[in-house]
Protein backbone atom coordinates (compact mmCIF):
# COMPACT_ATOMS: atom_id res chain seq x y z
CA MET A 1 -38.64 -5.27 42.22
CA LYS A 2 -38.42 -2.34 39.70
CA LYS A 3 -35.58 -0.76 41.47
CA LYS A 4 -33.38 -3.85 41.50
CA PHE A 5 -34.07 -4.37 38.32
CA ALA A 6 -32.87 -0.97 37.23
CA ARG A 7 -29.80 -1.16 39.50
CA ALA A 8 -29.11 -4.44 37.70
CA VAL A 9 -29.49 -2.81 34.14
CA TRP A 10 -27.39 -0.11 35.22
CA ARG A 11 -24.67 -2.15 36.38
CA VAL A 12 -24.36 -4.14 33.15
CA LEU A 13 -24.58 -0.83 31.14
CA ARG A 14 -21.58 0.53 33.27
CA LEU A 15 -19.79 -2.58 32.41
CA VAL A 16 -20.53 -2.45 28.71
CA LEU A 17 -19.25 1.26 28.66
CA LEU A 18 -16.21 0.42 30.76
CA PHE A 19 -15.14 -2.13 28.00
CA TYR A 20 -16.19 0.02 25.14
CA ALA A 21 -13.97 2.84 26.64
CA LEU A 22 -11.12 0.23 27.29
CA PHE A 23 -11.38 -1.15 23.65
CA LEU A 24 -11.42 2.36 22.32
CA GLY A 25 -8.43 3.19 24.18
CA PHE A 26 -6.75 0.15 23.02
CA VAL A 27 -7.16 1.08 19.53
CA LEU A 28 -6.31 4.74 20.29
CA PHE A 29 -3.06 3.53 21.97
CA PHE A 30 -2.08 0.74 19.80
CA GLU A 31 -3.20 2.09 16.68
CA GLU A 32 0.15 2.12 14.88
CA LYS A 33 0.84 -1.29 15.81
CA MET A 34 -2.64 -2.47 14.77
CA ILE A 35 -1.71 -1.05 10.90
CA PHE A 36 1.79 -1.64 10.26
CA PHE A 37 3.50 -5.18 10.55
CA PRO A 38 7.39 -4.63 9.47
CA SER A 39 10.02 -7.42 9.35
CA PRO A 40 13.40 -7.03 9.57
CA TYR A 41 15.44 -8.02 6.51
CA ASP A 42 17.35 -11.26 6.84
CA ALA A 43 19.40 -12.19 3.66
CA CYS A 44 19.82 -15.68 4.98
CA GLU A 45 16.23 -16.30 5.34
CA TYR A 46 15.13 -14.89 1.95
CA GLY A 47 18.36 -15.94 0.27
CA GLU A 48 17.93 -13.21 -2.68
CA LYS A 49 17.79 -16.37 -4.98
CA THR A 50 16.80 -14.94 -8.15
CA SER A 51 18.18 -14.13 -11.58
CA VAL A 52 16.97 -10.59 -11.57
CA PRO A 53 19.82 -8.21 -11.10
CA ILE A 54 19.22 -6.17 -7.97
CA GLU A 55 21.27 -2.79 -6.89
CA ASP A 56 20.83 -1.93 -3.13
CA VAL A 57 19.98 1.82 -2.88
CA PHE A 58 19.97 3.94 0.25
CA PHE A 59 18.62 7.59 0.47
CA SER A 60 17.53 10.01 3.16
CA THR A 61 14.32 11.36 3.87
CA SER A 62 13.48 15.04 4.67
CA ASP A 63 13.37 14.13 8.26
CA GLN A 64 16.60 12.25 8.21
CA LYS A 65 15.85 8.71 8.03
CA ARG A 66 17.85 6.19 5.86
CA ILE A 67 15.66 4.06 3.94
CA HIS A 68 16.38 1.46 1.95
CA ALA A 69 15.24 0.14 -1.63
CA TRP A 70 15.97 -2.34 -4.41
CA PHE A 71 16.74 -1.11 -8.11
CA SER A 72 16.21 -3.63 -10.85
CA PRO A 73 17.10 -2.43 -13.88
CA SER A 74 15.64 -3.70 -17.50
CA ASP A 75 15.75 -1.04 -20.08
CA SER A 76 16.60 2.91 -19.48
CA LYS A 77 13.72 3.69 -21.92
CA ALA A 78 11.14 1.33 -20.17
CA PRO A 79 8.88 2.79 -17.48
CA THR A 80 10.24 2.47 -14.03
CA LEU A 81 7.69 0.98 -11.61
CA LEU A 82 8.27 2.94 -8.10
CA TRP A 83 6.71 0.04 -6.14
CA PHE A 84 5.34 0.22 -2.74
CA HIS A 85 4.15 -2.86 -0.91
CA GLY A 86 1.53 -3.68 1.88
CA ASN A 87 1.57 -3.43 5.59
CA ALA A 88 3.43 -6.36 6.36
CA GLY A 89 6.98 -8.09 5.73
CA ASN A 90 9.49 -6.50 3.71
CA ILE A 91 10.61 -5.97 0.13
CA ALA A 92 12.46 -9.25 0.24
CA HIS A 93 8.81 -11.02 0.78
CA ARG A 94 8.10 -9.93 -2.67
CA ILE A 95 10.91 -11.06 -4.73
CA ASP A 96 8.75 -13.23 -6.73
CA GLN A 97 6.58 -10.44 -7.84
CA LEU A 98 9.52 -8.34 -8.42
CA GLN A 99 10.94 -10.82 -10.61
CA VAL A 100 7.86 -10.94 -12.48
CA LEU A 101 7.45 -7.30 -13.25
CA HIS A 102 11.28 -7.22 -14.18
CA GLU A 103 10.72 -9.94 -16.65
CA GLY A 104 8.13 -7.91 -18.04
CA GLY A 105 10.13 -5.33 -19.28
CA PHE A 106 9.94 -2.86 -16.36
CA ASN A 107 12.50 -1.17 -14.46
CA VAL A 108 11.69 -1.71 -10.67
CA PHE A 109 12.38 0.47 -7.78
CA ALA A 110 10.92 -1.17 -4.79
CA VAL A 111 11.00 0.61 -1.57
CA ASP A 112 10.81 -0.44 2.07
CA PHE A 113 9.02 2.01 4.34
CA ARG A 114 10.82 3.40 7.46
CA GLY A 115 10.95 0.64 10.01
CA TYR A 116 10.93 -2.22 7.30
CA GLY A 117 13.58 -4.23 6.08
CA ARG A 118 16.89 -2.33 6.41
CA SER A 119 15.05 1.24 6.39
CA GLU A 120 15.51 3.36 9.58
CA GLY A 121 12.55 4.62 11.82
CA SER A 122 9.28 3.88 12.93
CA PRO A 123 6.23 3.58 10.36
CA ASN A 124 3.30 5.98 10.33
CA GLU A 125 1.23 7.61 7.73
CA SER A 126 3.07 11.00 7.60
CA GLY A 127 6.38 9.21 7.56
CA THR A 128 5.51 6.56 4.61
CA TYR A 129 4.46 9.93 2.49
CA ARG A 130 7.95 11.23 3.23
CA ASP A 131 9.85 8.05 2.24
CA ALA A 132 7.61 7.87 -0.90
CA VAL A 133 8.78 11.49 -1.87
CA ALA A 134 12.46 10.72 -0.99
CA ALA A 135 12.21 7.52 -3.12
CA TYR A 136 10.61 9.39 -6.04
CA ASP A 137 13.46 12.08 -6.05
CA ALA A 138 16.39 9.52 -5.83
CA LEU A 139 14.94 7.51 -8.45
CA ALA A 140 14.46 10.73 -10.74
CA ALA A 141 17.59 11.54 -10.43
CA ARG A 142 19.15 8.50 -11.94
CA LYS A 143 20.82 8.65 -15.39
CA ASP A 144 19.76 5.20 -16.36
CA ILE A 145 15.99 5.72 -16.34
CA ASP A 146 13.54 8.28 -18.00
CA PRO A 147 12.00 10.40 -15.10
CA ARG A 148 9.15 11.12 -17.62
CA ARG A 149 8.11 7.41 -17.39
CA ILE A 150 7.86 6.92 -13.67
CA VAL A 151 4.71 4.83 -12.73
CA ALA A 152 3.48 4.89 -9.03
CA PHE A 153 2.49 1.52 -8.16
CA GLY A 154 1.02 0.28 -5.02
CA GLN A 155 -0.37 -2.52 -3.48
CA SER A 156 -2.81 -2.63 -0.46
CA LEU A 157 -1.55 -0.32 2.16
CA GLY A 158 1.26 0.78 -0.51
CA ALA A 159 -1.54 2.14 -3.05
CA ALA A 160 -2.22 4.80 -0.47
CA VAL A 161 1.14 5.79 -0.43
CA ALA A 162 1.66 5.52 -4.35
CA LEU A 163 -1.78 7.62 -4.91
CA ASP A 164 -0.42 10.52 -2.30
CA LEU A 165 2.81 10.57 -4.24
CA ALA A 166 1.28 10.99 -7.71
CA LEU A 167 -0.53 13.88 -6.08
CA GLN A 168 2.73 15.34 -5.15
CA ARG A 169 5.19 14.42 -8.04
CA ALA A 170 5.14 14.36 -11.61
CA CYS A 171 4.38 10.57 -12.27
CA GLU A 172 3.34 9.28 -15.99
CA ARG A 173 0.73 6.67 -14.54
CA VAL A 174 -0.60 5.25 -11.09
CA VAL A 175 -1.29 1.47 -10.69
CA LEU A 176 -3.11 0.57 -7.64
CA GLU A 177 -3.45 -3.08 -6.78
CA ALA A 178 -6.22 -4.00 -3.58
CA PRO A 179 -6.58 -0.22 -2.57
CA PHE A 180 -9.16 0.24 0.32
CA THR A 181 -11.05 3.30 0.78
CA SER A 182 -9.57 4.41 3.95
CA VAL A 183 -8.01 3.33 7.14
CA PRO A 184 -11.06 4.23 9.26
CA ALA A 185 -13.45 2.40 7.02
CA MET A 186 -11.10 -0.68 7.02
CA ALA A 187 -11.51 -0.15 10.84
CA SER A 188 -14.98 -0.17 10.58
CA THR A 189 -14.95 -3.29 8.63
CA ALA A 190 -12.77 -5.21 10.82
CA TYR A 191 -14.41 -3.89 14.25
CA PRO A 192 -18.02 -3.21 13.55
CA ILE A 193 -18.38 -1.59 16.97
CA PRO A 194 -19.88 2.40 16.81
CA GLY A 195 -17.19 4.95 17.08
CA VAL A 196 -14.30 3.08 16.12
CA SER A 197 -13.82 5.04 12.66
CA TYR A 198 -13.97 8.12 14.69
CA MET A 199 -11.19 7.11 16.93
CA VAL A 200 -8.68 6.39 14.15
CA ARG A 201 -6.11 9.25 13.56
CA THR A 202 -4.28 7.41 10.35
CA LYS A 203 -6.54 8.08 7.59
CA TYR A 204 -4.85 7.03 4.21
CA ASP A 205 -7.77 8.66 2.53
CA ASN A 206 -8.14 6.95 -1.19
CA LEU A 207 -11.40 7.74 -1.64
CA SER A 208 -11.25 11.49 -1.34
CA LYS A 209 -7.73 11.84 -2.79
CA VAL A 210 -8.44 9.70 -5.97
CA ALA A 211 -10.85 12.24 -6.76
CA HIS A 212 -8.19 14.86 -7.65
CA LEU A 213 -6.11 12.64 -9.48
CA ALA A 214 -5.89 13.38 -13.23
CA LEU A 215 -3.20 10.74 -14.28
CA PRO A 216 -4.45 7.59 -16.06
CA LEU A 217 -5.37 5.16 -13.19
CA LEU A 218 -5.32 1.25 -13.26
CA VAL A 219 -7.30 -0.18 -10.48
CA ILE A 220 -6.49 -4.12 -9.76
CA HIS A 221 -8.50 -6.28 -7.40
CA GLY A 222 -9.01 -10.01 -6.86
CA ASP A 223 -12.56 -10.78 -6.38
CA ARG A 224 -11.95 -13.22 -3.60
CA ASP A 225 -9.76 -10.80 -1.47
CA GLU A 226 -9.84 -11.60 2.12
CA ILE A 227 -8.35 -8.66 3.63
CA ILE A 228 -9.69 -5.52 2.04
CA PRO A 229 -13.37 -6.01 0.56
CA PHE A 230 -13.40 -6.22 -3.25
CA ALA A 231 -16.15 -3.53 -3.12
CA MET A 232 -13.63 -0.87 -1.76
CA GLY A 233 -11.22 -1.14 -5.14
CA LYS A 234 -14.66 -0.73 -7.02
CA ALA A 235 -15.53 2.38 -5.22
CA VAL A 236 -11.94 3.75 -5.52
CA HIS A 237 -12.07 3.55 -9.32
CA ALA A 238 -15.32 4.88 -9.31
CA ALA A 239 -14.26 7.89 -7.57
CA ALA A 240 -11.24 8.55 -9.85
CA ALA A 241 -11.65 11.72 -11.78
CA GLY A 242 -9.32 11.05 -14.77
CA PRO A 243 -8.88 8.22 -17.13
CA LYS A 244 -9.25 4.99 -15.50
CA GLU A 245 -9.52 1.19 -15.77
CA PHE A 246 -10.54 -1.46 -13.41
CA TRP A 247 -9.42 -5.08 -13.68
CA GLU A 248 -11.04 -7.78 -11.71
CA VAL A 249 -9.03 -10.69 -11.20
CA PRO A 250 -11.39 -13.62 -10.93
CA GLY A 251 -10.31 -15.96 -8.09
CA ALA A 252 -7.49 -13.82 -6.74
CA HIS A 253 -6.98 -13.36 -3.23
CA HIS A 254 -5.17 -10.58 -1.35
CA ASN A 255 -1.39 -11.35 -2.01
CA ASP A 256 -1.67 -13.76 -4.92
CA VAL A 257 -3.20 -11.71 -7.87
CA TYR A 258 -0.07 -11.98 -10.03
CA LEU A 259 0.12 -15.49 -9.53
CA VAL A 260 -3.62 -16.31 -10.23
CA ALA A 261 -3.39 -13.78 -13.08
CA GLY A 262 -0.53 -15.48 -14.72
CA ARG A 263 0.89 -13.97 -17.83
CA GLU A 264 -1.87 -11.75 -18.10
CA TYR A 265 -0.66 -9.58 -14.97
CA VAL A 266 2.29 -8.65 -17.12
CA ARG A 267 0.51 -8.14 -20.32
CA ARG A 268 -2.14 -5.83 -18.73
CA LEU A 269 0.68 -3.59 -17.21
CA ARG A 270 2.44 -3.22 -20.35
CA ARG A 271 -0.66 -2.33 -22.11
CA PHE A 272 -1.62 -0.04 -19.59
CA CYS A 273 2.01 1.77 -19.75
CA GLY A 274 1.76 1.92 -23.30
CA MET A 275 4.30 -0.85 -24.22
CA GLU A 276 2.23 -2.65 -26.38
């Protein structure tokens, strides 16, 4: 009986180990497809129905990828938000939010990462960093903005890109909306299985990087965020080394912070950027 029981336990254990190995292999092989969800640009679907002036901008990265961005001018002396979106869709999906920012008196330079919208290539961590640096250089070279007043602004995954950029280029300030601590930490949250965080090669380690940021930082997070835990936003803010603010938006989820906050959204941003 004992031998039969031991053999049965061993068979179950082998099956568990097999499924565990298959799951980790699946995560490893399809990692980037589980992180990045780009959509191609469709002008007919999204219509660009907005009163905001939009200029299509194309520029090349250091590895020769052609990247697309929208520039929406407001005032040449105003801060320019170098704006990076989250991991899904493209900039056309954010037209309402971009309109709110523009009407708030900001110049906005919204970037589609490689593989998103009309940008070439396939997205990955190092590639998005290259995209951000190229976007900054293209923006800073413009004659219709003040390059000393560039604010790195990122939402969700874009927050990780904005933070990395601010450590590489001369930004005036940094705004992180709904930032996570790191991708491995997010993987552990989504898949609470031992070893998952160690298998993930994509890092986007905001928690470590923010400790080296000396610029003024504003962290914004909705307290009902269903995608990125509110506690992660608090942790990123707590780890920041420089001048910092944390704005909790009661009742806001992951993608509706600017809607739930209403007029206060622009007021807070203007105040943080020294416009009020």
